[in-house]
Structures are given as C-alpha cells and as structure tokens.
All heavy atoms as atom14 arrays in JSON, in Angstrom:
{
  "sequence": "AWRGYRDYAWGHDELKPLSRVPHDWYGTPLLLTPVDALDTLYLL",
  "atom14_mask": [
    [1, 1, 1, 1, 1, 0, 0, 0, 0, 0, 0, 0, 0, 0],
    [1, 1, 1, 1, 1, 1, 1, 1, 1, 1, 1, 1, 1, 1],
    [1, 1, 1, 1, 1, 1, 1, 1, 1, 1, 1, 0, 0, 0],
    [1, 1, 1, 1, 0, 0, 0, 0, 0, 0, 0, 0, 0, 0],
    [1, 1, 1, 1, 1, 1, 1, 1, 1, 1, 1, 1, 0, 0],
    [1, 1, 1, 1, 1, 1, 1, 1, 1, 1, 1, 0, 0, 0],
    [1, 1, 1, 1, 1, 1, 1, 1, 0, 0, 0, 0, 0, 0],
    [1, 1, 1, 1, 1, 1, 1, 1, 1, 1, 1, 1, 0, 0],
    [1, 1, 1, 1, 1, 0, 0, 0, 0, 0, 0, 0, 0, 0],
    [1, 1, 1, 1, 1, 1, 1, 1, 1, 1, 1, 1, 1, 1],
    [1, 1, 1, 1, 0, 0, 0, 0, 0, 0, 0, 0, 0, 0],
    [1, 1, 1, 1, 1, 1, 1, 1, 1, 1, 0, 0, 0, 0],
    [1, 1, 1, 1, 1, 1, 1, 1, 0, 0, 0, 0, 0, 0],
    [1, 1, 1, 1, 1, 1, 1, 1, 1, 0, 0, 0, 0, 0],
    [1, 1, 1, 1, 1, 1, 1, 1, 0, 0, 0, 0, 0, 0],
    [1, 1, 1, 1, 1, 1, 1, 1, 1, 0, 0, 0, 0, 0],
    [1, 1, 1, 1, 1, 1, 1, 0, 0, 0, 0, 0, 0, 0],
    [1, 1, 1, 1, 1, 1, 1, 1, 0, 0, 0, 0, 0, 0],
    [1, 1, 1, 1, 1, 1, 0, 0, 0, 0, 0, 0, 0, 0],
    [1, 1, 1, 1, 1, 1, 1, 1, 1, 1, 1, 0, 0, 0],
    [1, 1, 1, 1, 1, 1, 1, 0, 0, 0, 0, 0, 0, 0],
    [1, 1, 1, 1, 1, 1, 1, 0, 0, 0, 0, 0, 0, 0],
    [1, 1, 1, 1, 1, 1, 1, 1, 1, 1, 0, 0, 0, 0],
    [1, 1, 1, 1, 1, 1, 1, 1, 0, 0, 0, 0, 0, 0],
    [1, 1, 1, 1, 1, 1, 1, 1, 1, 1, 1, 1, 1, 1],
    [1, 1, 1, 1, 1, 1, 1, 1, 1, 1, 1, 1, 0, 0],
    [1, 1, 1, 1, 0, 0, 0, 0, 0, 0, 0, 0, 0, 0],
    [1, 1, 1, 1, 1, 1, 1, 0, 0, 0, 0, 0, 0, 0],
    [1, 1, 1, 1, 1, 1, 1, 0, 0, 0, 0, 0, 0, 0],
    [1, 1, 1, 1, 1, 1, 1, 1, 0, 0, 0, 0, 0, 0],
    [1, 1, 1, 1, 1, 1, 1, 1, 0, 0, 0, 0, 0, 0],
    [1, 1, 1, 1, 1, 1, 1, 1, 0, 0, 0, 0, 0, 0],
    [1, 1, 1, 1, 1, 1, 1, 0, 0, 0, 0, 0, 0, 0],
    [1, 1, 1, 1, 1, 1, 1, 0, 0, 0, 0, 0, 0, 0],
    [1, 1, 1, 1, 1, 1, 1, 0, 0, 0, 0, 0, 0, 0],
    [1, 1, 1, 1, 1, 1, 1, 1, 0, 0, 0, 0, 0, 0],
    [1, 1, 1, 1, 1, 0, 0, 0, 0, 0, 0, 0, 0, 0],
    [1, 1, 1, 1, 1, 1, 1, 1, 0, 0, 0, 0, 0, 0],
    [1, 1, 1, 1, 1, 1, 1, 1, 0, 0, 0, 0, 0, 0],
    [1, 1, 1, 1, 1, 1, 1, 0, 0, 0, 0, 0, 0, 0],
    [1, 1, 1, 1, 1, 1, 1, 1, 0, 0, 0, 0, 0, 0],
    [1, 1, 1, 1, 1, 1, 1, 1, 1, 1, 1, 1, 0, 0],
    [1, 1, 1, 1, 1, 1, 1, 1, 0, 0, 0, 0, 0, 0],
    [1, 1, 1, 1, 1, 1, 1, 1, 0, 0, 0, 0, 0, 0]
  ],
  "atom14_positions": [
    [[4.26, 4.75, -8.18], [3.55, 4.69, -6.88], [3.49, 3.28, -6.42], [3.76, 2.94, -5.21], [2.16, 5.31, -7.02], [0.0, 0.0, 0.0], [0.0, 0.0, 0.0], [0.0, 0.0, 0.0], [0.0, 0.0, 0.0], [0.0, 0.0, 0.0], [0.0, 0.0, 0.0], [0.0, 0.0, 0.0], [0.0, 0.0, 0.0], [0.0, 0.0, 0.0]],
    [[3.24, 2.31, -7.34], [3.14, 0.9, -6.86], [4.53, 0.28, -6.49], [4.66, -0.43, -5.5], [2.76, 0.05, -8.1], [2.58, -1.37, -7.78], [3.37, -2.36, -8.16], [1.59, -1.97, -6.86], [2.96, -3.65, -7.57], [1.85, -3.34, -6.73], [0.56, -1.41, -6.25], [1.1, -4.21, -5.97], [-0.25, -2.28, -5.37], [0.03, -3.59, -5.26]],
    [[5.55, 0.79, -7.17], [6.92, 0.32, -6.76], [7.28, 0.84, -5.41], [7.84, 0.1, -4.61], [7.91, 0.82, -7.72], [8.19, -0.08, -8.98], [9.38, 0.21, -9.78], [9.48, 1.64, -10.16], [9.01, 2.11, -11.22], [8.53, 1.32, -12.26], [9.14, 3.37, -11.53], [0.0, 0.0, 0.0], [0.0, 0.0, 0.0], [0.0, 0.0, 0.0]],
    [[6.9, 2.04, -5.07], [7.05, 2.64, -3.78], [6.36, 1.86, -2.72], [6.99, 1.43, -1.68], [0.0, 0.0, 0.0], [0.0, 0.0, 0.0], [0.0, 0.0, 0.0], [0.0, 0.0, 0.0], [0.0, 0.0, 0.0], [0.0, 0.0, 0.0], [0.0, 0.0, 0.0], [0.0, 0.0, 0.0], [0.0, 0.0, 0.0], [0.0, 0.0, 0.0]],
    [[5.13, 1.5, -2.96], [4.37, 0.68, -2.04], [5.08, -0.7, -1.92], [5.37, -1.2, -0.73], [2.89, 0.45, -2.46], [2.2, -0.57, -1.64], [1.83, -0.28, -0.25], [2.07, -1.89, -1.99], [1.17, -1.23, 0.48], [1.53, -2.81, -1.32], [1.11, -2.44, 0.03], [0.57, -3.52, 0.82], [0.0, 0.0, 0.0], [0.0, 0.0, 0.0]],
    [[5.35, -1.28, -2.91], [5.94, -2.67, -2.97], [7.35, -2.67, -2.29], [7.61, -3.55, -1.45], [6.11, -3.1, -4.43], [6.64, -4.59, -4.55], [6.97, -4.98, -5.85], [8.2, -4.21, -6.36], [8.38, -3.66, -7.47], [7.44, -3.86, -8.44], [9.38, -2.96, -7.74], [0.0, 0.0, 0.0], [0.0, 0.0, 0.0], [0.0, 0.0, 0.0]],
    [[8.18, -1.65, -2.46], [9.39, -1.65, -1.9], [9.47, -1.27, -0.43], [10.42, -1.63, 0.43], [10.41, -0.6, -2.54], [10.61, -1.12, -3.99], [10.38, -2.28, -4.33], [11.2, -0.29, -4.81], [0.0, 0.0, 0.0], [0.0, 0.0, 0.0], [0.0, 0.0, 0.0], [0.0, 0.0, 0.0], [0.0, 0.0, 0.0], [0.0, 0.0, 0.0]],
    [[8.54, -0.44, 0.11], [8.64, 0.0, 1.37], [7.45, -0.28, 2.28], [7.51, -0.23, 3.5], [8.75, 1.64, 1.38], [9.96, 2.09, 0.68], [9.84, 2.66, -0.62], [11.18, 1.97, 1.25], [11.01, 3.1, -1.25], [12.32, 2.49, 0.56], [12.19, 2.91, -0.76], [13.32, 3.42, -1.29], [0.0, 0.0, 0.0], [0.0, 0.0, 0.0]],
    [[6.26, -0.8, 1.8], [5.08, -1.03, 2.63], [4.47, -2.3, 2.28], [3.38, -2.53, 2.69], [4.13, 0.12, 2.46], [0.0, 0.0, 0.0], [0.0, 0.0, 0.0], [0.0, 0.0, 0.0], [0.0, 0.0, 0.0], [0.0, 0.0, 0.0], [0.0, 0.0, 0.0], [0.0, 0.0, 0.0], [0.0, 0.0, 0.0], [0.0, 0.0, 0.0]],
    [[5.09, -3.24, 1.58], [4.52, -4.5, 1.16], [3.78, -5.18, 2.27], [4.46, -5.43, 3.39], [5.56, -5.32, 0.38], [4.99, -6.57, -0.23], [5.15, -7.86, 0.09], [4.17, -6.47, -1.46], [4.41, -8.61, -0.79], [3.89, -7.87, -1.81], [3.73, -5.47, -2.26], [3.15, -8.16, -2.86], [2.88, -5.9, -3.29], [2.75, -7.14, -3.66]],
    [[2.61, -5.5, 2.17], [1.92, -6.39, 3.16], [1.24, -5.51, 4.14], [0.73, -5.97, 5.16], [0.0, 0.0, 0.0], [0.0, 0.0, 0.0], [0.0, 0.0, 0.0], [0.0, 0.0, 0.0], [0.0, 0.0, 0.0], [0.0, 0.0, 0.0], [0.0, 0.0, 0.0], [0.0, 0.0, 0.0], [0.0, 0.0, 0.0], [0.0, 0.0, 0.0]],
    [[1.26, -4.16, 4.08], [0.76, -3.25, 4.95], [-0.42, -2.46, 4.22], [-0.62, -2.53, 3.05], [1.77, -2.27, 5.59], [2.77, -2.85, 6.4], [2.48, -3.2, 7.82], [3.9, -3.33, 6.14], [3.61, -3.74, 8.19], [4.46, -3.93, 7.26], [0.0, 0.0, 0.0], [0.0, 0.0, 0.0], [0.0, 0.0, 0.0], [0.0, 0.0, 0.0]],
    [[-1.15, -1.65, 5.0], [-2.35, -0.82, 4.48], [-1.8, 0.24, 3.46], [-2.4, 0.4, 2.47], [-3.14, -0.24, 5.56], [-3.98, -1.27, 6.3], [-4.14, -2.36, 5.75], [-4.38, -0.94, 7.43], [0.0, 0.0, 0.0], [0.0, 0.0, 0.0], [0.0, 0.0, 0.0], [0.0, 0.0, 0.0], [0.0, 0.0, 0.0], [0.0, 0.0, 0.0]],
    [[-0.89, 0.88, 3.78], [-0.35, 2.07, 2.96], [1.03, 2.45, 3.23], [1.64, 2.06, 4.18], [-1.3, 3.25, 3.18], [-1.24, 3.84, 4.65], [-2.32, 4.94, 4.73], [-3.19, 5.28, 3.81], [-2.36, 5.53, 5.94], [0.0, 0.0, 0.0], [0.0, 0.0, 0.0], [0.0, 0.0, 0.0], [0.0, 0.0, 0.0], [0.0, 0.0, 0.0]],
    [[1.52, 3.33, 2.36], [2.91, 3.77, 2.54], [2.82, 5.33, 2.86], [2.14, 6.08, 2.16], [3.65, 3.59, 1.22], [5.0, 4.36, 1.12], [6.0, 3.77, 2.03], [5.56, 4.25, -0.23], [0.0, 0.0, 0.0], [0.0, 0.0, 0.0], [0.0, 0.0, 0.0], [0.0, 0.0, 0.0], [0.0, 0.0, 0.0], [0.0, 0.0, 0.0]],
    [[3.56, 5.75, 3.79], [3.63, 7.22, 4.08], [4.86, 7.59, 3.08], [6.05, 7.2, 3.47], [4.03, 7.47, 5.55], [2.81, 7.14, 6.43], [3.18, 7.55, 7.85], [2.06, 7.37, 8.76], [2.24, 7.86, 10.16], [0.0, 0.0, 0.0], [0.0, 0.0, 0.0], [0.0, 0.0, 0.0], [0.0, 0.0, 0.0], [0.0, 0.0, 0.0]],
    [[4.48, 8.34, 2.01], [5.55, 8.51, 1.02], [6.79, 9.39, 1.4], [7.84, 9.08, 0.96], [4.76, 9.12, -0.16], [3.65, 9.73, 0.41], [3.3, 8.95, 1.71], [0.0, 0.0, 0.0], [0.0, 0.0, 0.0], [0.0, 0.0, 0.0], [0.0, 0.0, 0.0], [0.0, 0.0, 0.0], [0.0, 0.0, 0.0], [0.0, 0.0, 0.0]],
    [[6.51, 10.34, 2.25], [7.71, 11.1, 2.61], [8.6, 10.4, 3.44], [9.88, 10.59, 3.33], [7.32, 12.45, 3.2], [6.52, 13.32, 2.32], [6.0, 14.61, 3.07], [7.19, 13.71, 1.05], [0.0, 0.0, 0.0], [0.0, 0.0, 0.0], [0.0, 0.0, 0.0], [0.0, 0.0, 0.0], [0.0, 0.0, 0.0], [0.0, 0.0, 0.0]],
    [[8.13, 9.72, 4.47], [9.13, 8.94, 5.48], [9.36, 7.68, 4.98], [10.34, 6.86, 5.55], [8.43, 8.83, 6.85], [7.22, 8.16, 6.78], [0.0, 0.0, 0.0], [0.0, 0.0, 0.0], [0.0, 0.0, 0.0], [0.0, 0.0, 0.0], [0.0, 0.0, 0.0], [0.0, 0.0, 0.0], [0.0, 0.0, 0.0], [0.0, 0.0, 0.0]],
    [[8.72, 7.11, 3.89], [8.88, 5.76, 3.41], [8.56, 4.75, 4.38], [9.24, 3.73, 4.6], [10.22, 5.52, 2.71], [10.34, 6.43, 1.48], [11.75, 6.11, 0.88], [11.84, 6.94, -0.3], [13.01, 7.36, -0.83], [14.17, 6.83, -0.29], [13.04, 8.04, -1.85], [0.0, 0.0, 0.0], [0.0, 0.0, 0.0], [0.0, 0.0, 0.0]],
    [[7.6, 4.92, 5.27], [7.32, 4.02, 6.45], [5.88, 3.56, 6.13], [5.02, 4.2, 5.78], [7.29, 4.83, 7.7], [6.79, 3.99, 8.93], [8.69, 5.4, 8.0], [0.0, 0.0, 0.0], [0.0, 0.0, 0.0], [0.0, 0.0, 0.0], [0.0, 0.0, 0.0], [0.0, 0.0, 0.0], [0.0, 0.0, 0.0], [0.0, 0.0, 0.0]],
    [[5.76, 2.22, 6.3], [4.43, 1.62, 6.25], [3.56, 1.97, 7.35], [3.91, 2.34, 8.44], [4.69, 0.06, 6.13], [5.87, -0.06, 6.84], [6.73, 1.09, 6.68], [0.0, 0.0, 0.0], [0.0, 0.0, 0.0], [0.0, 0.0, 0.0], [0.0, 0.0, 0.0], [0.0, 0.0, 0.0], [0.0, 0.0, 0.0], [0.0, 0.0, 0.0]],
    [[2.18, 1.95, 7.14], [1.21, 2.34, 8.01], [-0.05, 1.39, 7.96], [-0.45, 1.06, 6.82], [0.68, 3.79, 7.95], [-0.4, 4.18, 8.9], [-1.63, 4.27, 8.52], [-0.33, 4.48, 10.19], [-2.41, 4.62, 9.53], [-1.73, 4.71, 10.64], [0.0, 0.0, 0.0], [0.0, 0.0, 0.0], [0.0, 0.0, 0.0], [0.0, 0.0, 0.0]],
    [[-0.54, 0.85, 9.07], [-1.74, 0.0, 9.11], [-2.75, 0.72, 9.84], [-2.62, 1.24, 11.02], [-1.38, -1.26, 9.8], [-0.45, -2.15, 8.94], [-0.61, -2.26, 7.71], [0.52, -2.75, 9.52], [0.0, 0.0, 0.0], [0.0, 0.0, 0.0], [0.0, 0.0, 0.0], [0.0, 0.0, 0.0], [0.0, 0.0, 0.0], [0.0, 0.0, 0.0]],
    [[-3.82, 0.98, 9.28], [-5.02, 1.83, 9.9], [-5.46, 1.22, 11.23], [-5.98, 1.94, 12.13], [-6.2, 1.84, 8.98], [-6.02, 2.62, 7.77], [-4.94, 3.09, 7.08], [-7.11, 3.42, 7.12], [-5.28, 3.87, 6.16], [-6.54, 4.17, 6.15], [-8.5, 3.42, 7.35], [-7.22, 4.95, 5.18], [-9.28, 4.14, 6.5], [-8.63, 4.92, 5.5]],
    [[-5.44, -0.12, 11.28], [-6.0, -0.75, 12.64], [-5.09, -1.55, 13.4], [-5.5, -2.45, 14.14], [-7.29, -1.53, 12.11], [-8.28, -0.75, 11.4], [-8.5, -0.84, 10.05], [-9.1, 0.28, 12.06], [-9.39, -0.14, 9.32], [-9.91, 0.93, 11.34], [-10.22, 0.8, 9.97], [-11.05, 1.6, 9.3], [0.0, 0.0, 0.0], [0.0, 0.0, 0.0]],
    [[-3.82, -1.38, 13.18], [-2.78, -2.07, 14.0], [-2.34, -3.37, 13.36], [-1.33, -3.92, 13.62], [0.0, 0.0, 0.0], [0.0, 0.0, 0.0], [0.0, 0.0, 0.0], [0.0, 0.0, 0.0], [0.0, 0.0, 0.0], [0.0, 0.0, 0.0], [0.0, 0.0, 0.0], [0.0, 0.0, 0.0], [0.0, 0.0, 0.0], [0.0, 0.0, 0.0]],
    [[-3.27, -3.87, 12.52], [-2.99, -5.08, 11.81], [-3.25, -4.91, 10.32], [-4.15, -4.17, 9.95], [-3.89, -6.28, 12.37], [-3.55, -7.48, 11.8], [-5.38, -5.97, 12.17], [0.0, 0.0, 0.0], [0.0, 0.0, 0.0], [0.0, 0.0, 0.0], [0.0, 0.0, 0.0], [0.0, 0.0, 0.0], [0.0, 0.0, 0.0], [0.0, 0.0, 0.0]],
    [[-2.59, -5.36, 9.38], [-2.69, -5.03, 8.04], [-4.04, -5.6, 7.35], [-4.3, -6.71, 7.63], [-1.45, -5.72, 7.37], [-0.51, -6.0, 8.34], [-1.23, -6.17, 9.65], [0.0, 0.0, 0.0], [0.0, 0.0, 0.0], [0.0, 0.0, 0.0], [0.0, 0.0, 0.0], [0.0, 0.0, 0.0], [0.0, 0.0, 0.0], [0.0, 0.0, 0.0]],
    [[-4.73, -4.85, 6.76], [-5.95, -5.23, 6.03], [-5.65, -4.99, 4.45], [-6.57, -5.22, 3.67], [-7.12, -4.33, 6.38], [-7.62, -4.61, 7.82], [-8.75, -3.62, 8.16], [-8.01, -6.03, 8.05], [0.0, 0.0, 0.0], [0.0, 0.0, 0.0], [0.0, 0.0, 0.0], [0.0, 0.0, 0.0], [0.0, 0.0, 0.0], [0.0, 0.0, 0.0]],
    [[-4.46, -4.67, 4.23], [-4.05, -4.65, 2.71], [-4.9, -3.49, 1.9], [-5.29, -3.91, 0.76], [-4.11, -6.0, 2.07], [-3.29, -7.01, 2.81], [-3.42, -8.41, 1.97], [-1.82, -6.64, 2.86], [0.0, 0.0, 0.0], [0.0, 0.0, 0.0], [0.0, 0.0, 0.0], [0.0, 0.0, 0.0], [0.0, 0.0, 0.0], [0.0, 0.0, 0.0]],
    [[-5.13, -2.38, 2.57], [-6.07, -1.44, 1.9], [-5.54, -1.0, 0.5], [-6.34, -0.86, -0.48], [-6.2, -0.26, 2.79], [-7.03, -0.56, 4.11], [-6.98, 0.71, 4.97], [-8.44, -0.92, 3.73], [0.0, 0.0, 0.0], [0.0, 0.0, 0.0], [0.0, 0.0, 0.0], [0.0, 0.0, 0.0], [0.0, 0.0, 0.0], [0.0, 0.0, 0.0]],
    [[-4.21, -0.75, 0.37], [-3.67, -0.36, -0.89], [-3.8, -1.39, -1.98], [-4.3, -1.02, -3.08], [-2.23, 0.19, -0.71], [-2.3, 1.35, 0.07], [-1.58, 0.53, -2.11], [0.0, 0.0, 0.0], [0.0, 0.0, 0.0], [0.0, 0.0, 0.0], [0.0, 0.0, 0.0], [0.0, 0.0, 0.0], [0.0, 0.0, 0.0], [0.0, 0.0, 0.0]],
    [[-3.3, -2.62, -1.73], [-3.4, -3.68, -2.78], [-4.89, -3.84, -3.22], [-5.11, -4.01, -4.42], [-2.81, -4.86, -2.2], [-1.93, -4.39, -1.1], [-2.51, -3.24, -0.6], [0.0, 0.0, 0.0], [0.0, 0.0, 0.0], [0.0, 0.0, 0.0], [0.0, 0.0, 0.0], [0.0, 0.0, 0.0], [0.0, 0.0, 0.0], [0.0, 0.0, 0.0]],
    [[-5.74, -3.97, -2.28], [-7.14, -4.27, -2.56], [-7.72, -3.09, -3.39], [-8.42, -3.18, -4.49], [-8.07, -4.51, -1.37], [-9.53, -4.49, -1.84], [-7.63, -5.68, -0.73], [0.0, 0.0, 0.0], [0.0, 0.0, 0.0], [0.0, 0.0, 0.0], [0.0, 0.0, 0.0], [0.0, 0.0, 0.0], [0.0, 0.0, 0.0], [0.0, 0.0, 0.0]],
    [[-7.45, -1.83, -2.94], [-8.03, -0.6, -3.49], [-7.46, -0.32, -4.99], [-8.11, 0.1, -5.82], [-7.69, 0.58, -2.73], [-8.81, 1.71, -2.72], [-9.86, 1.4, -3.24], [-8.53, 2.76, -2.16], [0.0, 0.0, 0.0], [0.0, 0.0, 0.0], [0.0, 0.0, 0.0], [0.0, 0.0, 0.0], [0.0, 0.0, 0.0], [0.0, 0.0, 0.0]],
    [[-6.16, -0.82, -5.1], [-5.52, -0.53, -6.4], [-5.73, -1.51, -7.47], [-5.54, -1.31, -8.66], [-3.96, -0.36, -6.18], [0.0, 0.0, 0.0], [0.0, 0.0, 0.0], [0.0, 0.0, 0.0], [0.0, 0.0, 0.0], [0.0, 0.0, 0.0], [0.0, 0.0, 0.0], [0.0, 0.0, 0.0], [0.0, 0.0, 0.0], [0.0, 0.0, 0.0]],
    [[-6.26, -2.73, -7.07], [-6.25, -3.86, -7.94], [-7.04, -3.59, -9.3], [-6.51, -3.8, -10.36], [-6.96, -5.16, -7.32], [-6.91, -6.4, -8.05], [-5.66, -6.83, -8.42], [-7.75, -7.39, -7.23], [0.0, 0.0, 0.0], [0.0, 0.0, 0.0], [0.0, 0.0, 0.0], [0.0, 0.0, 0.0], [0.0, 0.0, 0.0], [0.0, 0.0, 0.0]],
    [[-8.24, -3.0, -9.15], [-8.99, -2.75, -10.48], [-8.28, -1.69, -11.23], [-8.19, -1.76, -12.53], [-10.38, -2.36, -10.09], [-10.6, -1.17, -9.22], [-9.66, -0.8, -8.5], [-11.81, -0.68, -9.22], [0.0, 0.0, 0.0], [0.0, 0.0, 0.0], [0.0, 0.0, 0.0], [0.0, 0.0, 0.0], [0.0, 0.0, 0.0], [0.0, 0.0, 0.0]],
    [[-7.68, -0.62, -10.66], [-6.96, 0.48, -11.37], [-5.76, -0.21, -12.18], [-5.58, 0.04, -13.32], [-6.6, 1.48, -10.47], [-7.58, 1.95, -9.81], [-5.78, 2.5, -11.24], [0.0, 0.0, 0.0], [0.0, 0.0, 0.0], [0.0, 0.0, 0.0], [0.0, 0.0, 0.0], [0.0, 0.0, 0.0], [0.0, 0.0, 0.0], [0.0, 0.0, 0.0]],
    [[-5.16, -1.08, -11.55], [-3.97, -1.69, -12.12], [-4.39, -2.57, -13.29], [-3.76, -2.41, -14.39], [-3.24, -2.55, -11.05], [-2.58, -1.9, -9.96], [-2.1, -2.84, -8.94], [-1.35, -1.04, -10.5], [0.0, 0.0, 0.0], [0.0, 0.0, 0.0], [0.0, 0.0, 0.0], [0.0, 0.0, 0.0], [0.0, 0.0, 0.0], [0.0, 0.0, 0.0]],
    [[-5.45, -3.23, -13.15], [-6.04, -3.97, -14.34], [-6.45, -3.1, -15.54], [-6.18, -3.24, -16.73], [-7.23, -4.91, -13.97], [-6.8, -6.23, -13.47], [-7.21, -6.59, -12.16], [-6.03, -7.12, -14.11], [-6.78, -7.84, -11.6], [-5.6, -8.28, -13.7], [-6.08, -8.76, -12.35], [-5.82, -9.92, -11.8], [0.0, 0.0, 0.0], [0.0, 0.0, 0.0]],
    [[-7.16, -2.06, -15.13], [-7.73, -1.08, -16.14], [-6.65, -0.36, -16.94], [-6.73, -0.11, -18.15], [-8.7, -0.14, -15.55], [-9.97, -0.63, -15.13], [-10.75, 0.4, -14.22], [-10.85, -0.98, -16.31], [0.0, 0.0, 0.0], [0.0, 0.0, 0.0], [0.0, 0.0, 0.0], [0.0, 0.0, 0.0], [0.0, 0.0, 0.0], [0.0, 0.0, 0.0]],
    [[-5.41, -0.16, -16.3], [-4.33, 0.5, -16.97], [-3.47, -0.51, -17.67], [-2.51, -0.08, -18.25], [-3.54, 1.26, -15.77], [-4.1, 2.34, -15.25], [-3.35, 2.97, -14.18], [-4.35, 3.52, -16.34], [0.0, 0.0, 0.0], [0.0, 0.0, 0.0], [0.0, 0.0, 0.0], [0.0, 0.0, 0.0], [0.0, 0.0, 0.0], [0.0, 0.0, 0.0]]
  ]
}
C-alpha cells in the first residue's frame, strides 16, 4: 500500500487504487495519507 501511494500519489492526499490517480480532498495537498500513516508505519 505504501509503495502504491509513493509511486502514484506522492505529495498528494491519497491514491485512488484502481485508477492509480492521486486525489487531493481540498484541491491542494494536505498530505492526509502520509500524516495518517506515520504512526502505523512506526508501530509496524
């Protein structure tokens, strides 16, 4: 999942996995996925 985000949506809020297209919730990136995933990545 992280590689998919990194390869197709780096710097954006999220990745649409089927189309492999990045998406920003508010038109400008707020990096929702990297922020939201940070603690999970550390814990794992």
